[in-house]
Amino acid sequence: MQLLQFLSILFSILLILFVLETTRRGVLKERYALLWLGAGSVLLVLSFYRPLLDSIALALGVSYPPSLLFLVAFVFLLAIVLHYSLVISSHRDSIRRLTQRLALLERELEEQGRRK
């Protein structure tokens, strides 16, 4: 087993274990853990089964198959970052609406306090 293959297997296993542990503790929510578990699983399969990695690399025209692992990892990271960007944008809109509603409620309470 080559050093790069060993390191990619080790990294994939550590990633999967870390995601499972943080999900178990409630630090990472399940819907976000799925992306990380998917990435770790794909990297683990490609790291263990070298002929699959070689055939995919040949089909894509990648001359050094282990570099395909980095491409796959990069694509998964881009997908995760895009997903988090969408979630953050949604949360930002929700926070803005809640802040506006809170301001209206505070104004209403102040007006009621003045009437008494």
Protein backbone atom coordinates (compact mmCIF):
# COMPACT_ATOMS: atom_id res chain seq x y z
CA MET A 1 0.00 0.00 0.00
CA GLN A 2 1.42 3.36 -1.00
CA LEU A 3 1.77 6.21 1.46
CA LEU A 4 -0.78 8.38 -0.35
CA GLN A 5 -3.33 5.58 -0.38
CA PHE A 6 -2.74 4.90 3.31
CA LEU A 7 -3.10 8.60 4.17
CA SER A 8 -6.30 8.98 2.15
CA ILE A 9 -7.81 5.91 3.81
CA LEU A 10 -6.79 7.19 7.24
CA PHE A 11 -8.15 10.67 6.52
CA SER A 12 -11.46 9.27 5.23
CA ILE A 13 -11.93 7.06 8.27
CA LEU A 14 -11.06 9.90 10.65
CA LEU A 15 -13.47 12.22 8.84
CA ILE A 16 -16.32 9.71 9.06
CA LEU A 17 -15.63 9.00 12.74
CA PHE A 18 -15.43 12.71 13.56
CA VAL A 19 -18.72 13.44 11.79
CA LEU A 20 -20.46 10.52 13.51
CA GLU A 21 -19.17 11.59 16.93
CA THR A 22 -20.14 15.25 16.53
CA THR A 23 -23.56 14.19 15.27
CA ARG A 24 -23.99 11.84 18.23
CA ARG A 25 -23.14 14.66 20.64
CA GLY A 26 -25.62 16.96 18.91
CA VAL A 27 -22.96 19.44 17.79
CA LEU A 28 -23.55 18.73 14.10
CA LYS A 29 -27.10 18.33 12.83
CA GLU A 30 -28.01 15.28 10.78
CA ARG A 31 -28.88 17.19 7.63
CA TYR A 32 -25.39 18.69 7.50
CA ALA A 33 -23.71 15.45 8.49
CA LEU A 34 -25.06 13.69 5.41
CA LEU A 35 -22.89 15.76 3.07
CA TRP A 36 -19.77 15.08 5.12
CA LEU A 37 -20.56 11.37 5.45
CA GLY A 38 -21.12 11.17 1.69
CA ALA A 39 -17.80 12.84 1.00
CA GLY A 40 -15.95 10.60 3.46
CA SER A 41 -17.59 7.47 2.10
CA VAL A 42 -16.80 8.25 -1.53
CA LEU A 43 -13.19 9.07 -0.67
CA LEU A 44 -12.91 5.88 1.38
CA VAL A 45 -14.27 3.69 -1.43
CA LEU A 46 -11.98 5.32 -4.01
CA SER A 47 -9.02 4.98 -1.65
CA PHE A 48 -9.59 1.31 -0.89
CA TYR A 49 -10.54 0.11 -4.35
CA ARG A 50 -7.69 1.34 -6.55
CA PRO A 51 -8.97 -0.26 -9.83
CA LEU A 52 -12.15 1.81 -9.56
CA LEU A 53 -10.09 4.95 -9.05
CA ASP A 54 -7.88 4.02 -12.02
CA SER A 55 -10.83 3.38 -14.35
CA ILE A 56 -12.57 6.64 -13.39
CA ALA A 57 -9.31 8.55 -13.85
CA LEU A 58 -8.80 6.95 -17.26
CA ALA A 59 -12.35 7.82 -18.31
CA LEU A 60 -11.86 11.45 -17.21
CA GLY A 61 -8.41 11.71 -18.73
CA VAL A 62 -6.58 12.20 -15.42
CA SER A 63 -2.99 11.05 -15.85
CA TYR A 64 -2.23 10.44 -12.16
CA PRO A 65 -5.19 8.59 -10.58
CA PRO A 66 -4.49 9.54 -6.93
CA SER A 67 -4.87 13.20 -7.90
CA LEU A 68 -8.47 12.32 -8.73
CA LEU A 69 -9.02 11.90 -4.98
CA PHE A 70 -8.15 15.56 -4.52
CA LEU A 71 -10.53 16.52 -7.31
CA VAL A 72 -13.35 14.52 -5.72
CA ALA A 73 -12.60 16.05 -2.31
CA PHE A 74 -12.55 19.52 -3.87
CA VAL A 75 -15.90 18.98 -5.60
CA PHE A 76 -17.47 17.77 -2.33
CA LEU A 77 -16.06 20.78 -0.49
CA LEU A 78 -17.53 23.10 -3.11
CA ALA A 79 -20.92 21.39 -2.73
CA ILE A 80 -20.74 21.73 1.06
CA VAL A 81 -19.76 25.40 0.86
CA LEU A 82 -22.59 26.08 -1.59
CA HIS A 83 -25.05 24.30 0.71
CA TYR A 84 -23.88 26.33 3.71
CA SER A 85 -24.12 29.55 1.69
CA LEU A 86 -27.74 28.75 0.88
CA VAL A 87 -28.49 27.98 4.53
CA ILE A 88 -26.78 31.18 5.72
CA SER A 89 -28.70 33.26 3.17
CA SER A 90 -31.96 31.74 4.32
CA HIS A 91 -31.10 32.33 7.98
CA ARG A 92 -30.10 35.92 7.24
CA ASP A 93 -33.51 36.61 5.69
CA SER A 94 -35.25 34.98 8.66
CA ILE A 95 -33.21 37.02 11.14
CA ARG A 96 -34.03 40.25 9.27
CA ARG A 97 -37.76 39.46 9.32
CA LEU A 98 -37.63 38.55 13.03
CA THR A 99 -35.73 41.75 13.84
CA GLN A 100 -38.34 43.81 12.01
CA ARG A 101 -41.18 42.06 13.83
CA LEU A 102 -39.41 42.57 17.17
CA ALA A 103 -39.00 46.29 16.44
CA LEU A 104 -42.70 46.58 15.63
CA LEU A 105 -43.66 44.73 18.83
CA GLU A 106 -41.36 46.95 20.93
CA ARG A 107 -42.89 50.04 19.35
CA GLU A 108 -46.36 48.72 20.05
CA LEU A 109 -45.45 48.07 23.71
CA GLU A 110 -44.02 51.58 24.05
CA GLU A 111 -47.24 53.06 22.64
CA GLN A 112 -49.33 50.99 25.06
CA GLY A 113 -47.11 52.15 27.94
CA ARG A 114 -47.66 55.80 26.98
CA ARG A 115 -51.45 55.37 26.87
CA LYS A 116 -51.59 54.13 30.47
